[in-house]
C-alpha atoms as a PDB file:
ATOM      1  CA  UNK A   1       0.000   0.000   0.000  1.00  0.00           C
ATOM      2  CA  UNK A   2       1.413   3.387  -0.995  1.00  0.00           C
ATOM      3  CA  UNK A   3       1.720   6.282   1.410  1.00  0.00           C
ATOM      4  CA  UNK A   4      -1.039   8.144  -0.474  1.00  0.00           C
ATOM      5  CA  UNK A   5      -3.361   5.113  -0.182  1.00  0.00           C
ATOM      6  CA  UNK A   6      -2.615   4.908   3.535  1.00  0.00           C
ATOM      7  CA  UNK A   7      -3.383   8.615   4.003  1.00  0.00           C
ATOM      8  CA  UNK A   8      -6.666   8.227   2.116  1.00  0.00           C
ATOM      9  CA  UNK A   9      -7.608   5.218   4.248  1.00  0.00           C
ATOM     10  CA  UNK A  10      -6.836   7.100   7.479  1.00  0.00           C
ATOM     11  CA  UNK A  11      -8.723  10.251   6.444  1.00  0.00           C
ATOM     12  CA  UNK A  12     -11.786  10.807   8.643  1.00  0.00           C
ATOM     13  CA  UNK A  13     -15.159  10.201   7.046  1.00  0.00           C
ATOM     14  CA  UNK A  14     -17.197  13.400   6.736  1.00  0.00           C
ATOM     15  CA  UNK A  15     -20.910  13.770   7.088  1.00  0.00           C
ATOM     16  CA  UNK A  16     -23.248  15.906   5.021  1.00  0.00           C
ATOM     17  CA  UNK A  17     -25.342  18.654   6.601  1.00  0.00           C
ATOM     18  CA  UNK A  18     -28.627  17.517   8.096  1.00  0.00           C
ATOM     19  CA  UNK A  19     -31.949  18.840   6.819  1.00  0.00           C
ATOM     20  CA  UNK A  20     -32.206  21.044   9.930  1.00  0.00           C
ATOM     21  CA  UNK A  21     -28.716  22.451   9.319  1.00  0.00           C
ATOM     22  CA  UNK A  22     -29.549  23.193   5.693  1.00  0.00           C
ATOM     23  CA  UNK A  23     -32.770  24.889   6.773  1.00  0.00           C
ATOM     24  CA  UNK A  24     -30.838  26.995   9.318  1.00  0.00           C
ATOM     25  CA  UNK A  25     -28.199  27.958   6.744  1.00  0.00           C
ATOM     26  CA  UNK A  26     -30.800  28.742   4.074  1.00  0.00           C
ATOM     27  CA  UNK A  27     -32.373  31.275   6.428  1.00  0.00           C
ATOM     28  CA  UNK A  28     -29.221  33.355   5.852  1.00  0.00           C
ATOM     29  CA  UNK A  29     -27.598  32.152   2.620  1.00  0.00           C
ATOM     30  CA  UNK A  30     -30.732  31.118   0.666  1.00  0.00           C
ATOM     31  CA  UNK A  31     -29.577  29.166  -2.410  1.00  0.00           C
ATOM     32  CA  UNK A  32     -26.136  30.810  -2.679  1.00  0.00           C
ATOM     33  CA  UNK A  33     -24.480  27.716  -1.149  1.00  0.00           C
ATOM     34  CA  UNK A  34     -24.284  24.312  -2.805  1.00  0.00           C
ATOM     35  CA  UNK A  35     -25.280  22.415   0.328  1.00  0.00           C
ATOM     36  CA  UNK A  36     -24.691  19.022  -1.288  1.00  0.00           C
ATOM     37  CA  UNK A  37     -20.978  19.915  -1.523  1.00  0.00           C
ATOM     38  CA  UNK A  38     -20.603  20.785   2.181  1.00  0.00           C
ATOM     39  CA  UNK A  39     -18.696  18.228   4.252  1.00  0.00           C
ATOM     40  CA  UNK A  40     -18.434  18.262   8.041  1.00  0.00           C
ATOM     41  CA  UNK A  41     -15.615  16.379   9.777  1.00  0.00           C
ATOM     42  CA  UNK A  42     -15.397  15.483  13.450  1.00  0.00           C
ATOM     43  CA  UNK A  43     -11.613  15.851  13.421  1.00  0.00           C
ATOM     44  CA  UNK A  44      -8.757  18.335  13.360  1.00  0.00           C
ATOM     45  CA  UNK A  45      -7.708  19.646   9.954  1.00  0.00           C
ATOM     46  CA  UNK A  46      -4.156  20.216  11.155  1.00  0.00           C
ATOM     47  CA  UNK A  47      -2.324  19.192  14.298  1.00  0.00           C
ATOM     48  CA  UNK A  48      -2.135  22.708  15.706  1.00  0.00           C
ATOM     49  CA  UNK A  49      -5.912  23.250  15.509  1.00  0.00           C
ATOM     50  CA  UNK A  50      -7.107  23.995  19.014  1.00  0.00           C
ATOM     51  CA  UNK A  51      -9.588  21.723  20.767  1.00  0.00           C
ATOM     52  CA  UNK A  52     -13.193  22.913  20.652  1.00  0.00           C
ATOM     53  CA  UNK A  53     -12.651  24.868  17.462  1.00  0.00           C
ATOM     54  CA  UNK A  54     -13.480  24.824  13.799  1.00  0.00           C
ATOM     55  CA  UNK A  55     -11.528  25.367  10.607  1.00  0.00           C
ATOM     56  CA  UNK A  56     -13.140  25.531   7.198  1.00  0.00           C
ATOM     57  CA  UNK A  57     -10.498  25.257   4.484  1.00  0.00           C
ATOM     58  CA  UNK A  58     -11.701  24.750   0.920  1.00  0.00           C
ATOM     59  CA  UNK A  59     -15.340  24.806   1.991  1.00  0.00           C
ATOM     60  CA  UNK A  60     -15.040  21.780   4.295  1.00  0.00           C
ATOM     61  CA  UNK A  61     -15.753  22.121   8.022  1.00  0.00           C
ATOM     62  CA  UNK A  62     -13.257  20.497  10.387  1.00  0.00           C
ATOM     63  CA  UNK A  63     -14.706  20.727  13.886  1.00  0.00           C
ATOM     64  CA  UNK A  64     -13.136  19.151  16.934  1.00  0.00           C
ATOM     65  CA  UNK A  65     -13.991  18.992  20.600  1.00  0.00           C
ATOM     66  CA  UNK A  66     -16.635  17.560  22.871  1.00  0.00           C
ATOM     67  CA  UNK A  67     -17.894  21.085  23.616  1.00  0.00           C
ATOM     68  CA  UNK A  68     -18.114  22.050  19.937  1.00  0.00           C
ATOM     69  CA  UNK A  69     -18.821  19.168  17.537  1.00  0.00           C
ATOM     70  CA  UNK A  70     -22.457  18.118  17.123  1.00  0.00           C
ATOM     71  CA  UNK A  71     -24.219  15.686  14.808  1.00  0.00           C
ATOM     72  CA  UNK A  72     -26.933  18.266  14.105  1.00  0.00           C
ATOM     73  CA  UNK A  73     -26.366  21.989  14.629  1.00  0.00           C
ATOM     74  CA  UNK A  74     -29.920  22.676  13.524  1.00  0.00           C
ATOM     75  CA  UNK A  75     -31.358  21.517  16.870  1.00  0.00           C
ATOM     76  CA  UNK A  76     -28.805  22.759  19.403  1.00  0.00           C
ATOM     77  CA  UNK A  77     -28.550  25.815  21.657  1.00  0.00           C
ATOM     78  CA  UNK A  78     -28.080  29.247  20.135  1.00  0.00           C
ATOM     79  CA  UNK A  79     -24.328  29.403  20.888  1.00  0.00           C
ATOM     80  CA  UNK A  80     -23.627  26.324  18.767  1.00  0.00           C
ATOM     81  CA  UNK A  81     -26.021  27.377  15.990  1.00  0.00           C
ATOM     82  CA  UNK A  82     -24.078  30.660  15.820  1.00  0.00           C
ATOM     83  CA  UNK A  83     -20.825  28.679  15.645  1.00  0.00           C
ATOM     84  CA  UNK A  84     -22.228  26.604  12.762  1.00  0.00           C
ATOM     85  CA  UNK A  85     -23.351  29.729  10.891  1.00  0.00           C
ATOM     86  CA  UNK A  86     -19.897  31.247  11.416  1.00  0.00           C
ATOM     87  CA  UNK A  87     -18.309  28.215   9.763  1.00  0.00           C
ATOM     88  CA  UNK A  88     -20.950  28.322   7.013  1.00  0.00           C
ATOM     89  CA  UNK A  89     -19.845  31.891   6.246  1.00  0.00           C
ATOM     90  CA  UNK A  90     -16.439  30.429   5.343  1.00  0.00           C
ATOM     91  CA  UNK A  91     -18.139  27.813   3.153  1.00  0.00           C
ATOM     92  CA  UNK A  92     -20.089  30.587   1.434  1.00  0.00           C
ATOM     93  CA  UNK A  93     -16.909  32.640   0.948  1.00  0.00           C
ATOM     94  CA  UNK A  94     -15.116  29.676  -0.597  1.00  0.00           C
ATOM     95  CA  UNK A  95     -17.964  28.640  -2.878  1.00  0.00           C
ATOM     96  CA  UNK A  96     -18.572  32.211  -4.050  1.00  0.00           C
ATOM     97  CA  UNK A  97     -14.888  33.115  -4.504  1.00  0.00           C
ATOM     98  CA  UNK A  98     -15.199  36.041  -2.113  1.00  0.00           C
ATOM     99  CA  UNK A  99     -11.642  35.754  -0.827  1.00  0.00           C
ATOM    100  CA  UNK A 100     -10.035  35.537  -4.274  1.00  0.00           C
ATOM    101  CA  UNK A 101     -10.164  39.350  -4.656  1.00  0.00           C
ATOM    102  CA  UNK A 102      -8.253  39.826  -1.408  1.00  0.00           C
ATOM    103  CA  UNK A 103      -5.747  37.132  -2.372  1.00  0.00           C
ATOM    104  CA  UNK A 104      -5.152  38.808  -5.738  1.00  0.00           C
ATOM    105  CA  UNK A 105      -4.649  42.188  -4.071  1.00  0.00           C
ATOM    106  CA  UNK A 106      -2.075  40.741  -1.680  1.00  0.00           C
ATOM    107  CA  UNK A 107      -0.263  38.945  -4.491  1.00  0.00           C
ATOM    108  CA  UNK A 108      -0.119  42.114  -6.616  1.00  0.00           C
ATOM    109  CA  UNK A 109       1.147  44.177  -3.685  1.00  0.00           C
ATOM    110  CA  UNK A 110       3.913  41.655  -3.030  1.00  0.00           C
ATOM    111  CA  UNK A 111       4.803  41.367  -6.725  1.00  0.00           C
ATOM    112  CA  UNK A 112       4.591  45.044  -7.716  1.00  0.00           C
ATOM    113  CA  UNK A 113       5.274  46.717  -4.401  1.00  0.00           C
ATOM    114  CA  UNK A 114       2.869  48.890  -2.416  1.00  0.00           C
ATOM    115  CA  UNK A 115       1.170  51.591  -4.520  1.00  0.00           C
ATOM    116  CA  UNK A 116       2.966  50.585  -7.730  1.00  0.00           C
ATOM    117  CA  UNK A 117      -0.044  50.111 -10.007  1.00  0.00           C
ATOM    118  CA  UNK A 118       1.094  52.203 -12.996  1.00  0.00           C
ATOM    119  CA  UNK A 119       0.676  49.320 -15.409  1.00  0.00           C
ATOM    120  CA  UNK A 120      -2.657  48.261 -13.985  1.00  0.00           C
ATOM    121  CA  UNK A 121      -6.145  49.158 -15.230  1.00  0.00           C
ATOM    122  CA  UNK A 122      -6.429  52.033 -12.744  1.00  0.00           C
ATOM    123  CA  UNK A 123      -5.240  55.493 -13.970  1.00  0.00           C
END
């Protein structure tokens, strides 16, 4: 078995959002999120992720901690519903390419230097 196969086999199995979670998210995001693409892991994304926290890289939620992870955020107390919506904001940002503008601006600033936009579309 190759190292890549072993990593794939050891990768945690995600769950999809529940109907209640989708309903909760739709109250804010309507149909601007492809809910069928959302994956929720009960695991750390990286080793330095703090317990009882969430990370949402590439539109996937990685939530860890007995005080934070739930099987259905649609039926929990307000604090955890707010946490779920916070992570869904990151899903929405990823799926709608909201952060790509900021990333491009940072890249151009690093490449061209601050304020050096003479060759850009702005006069």
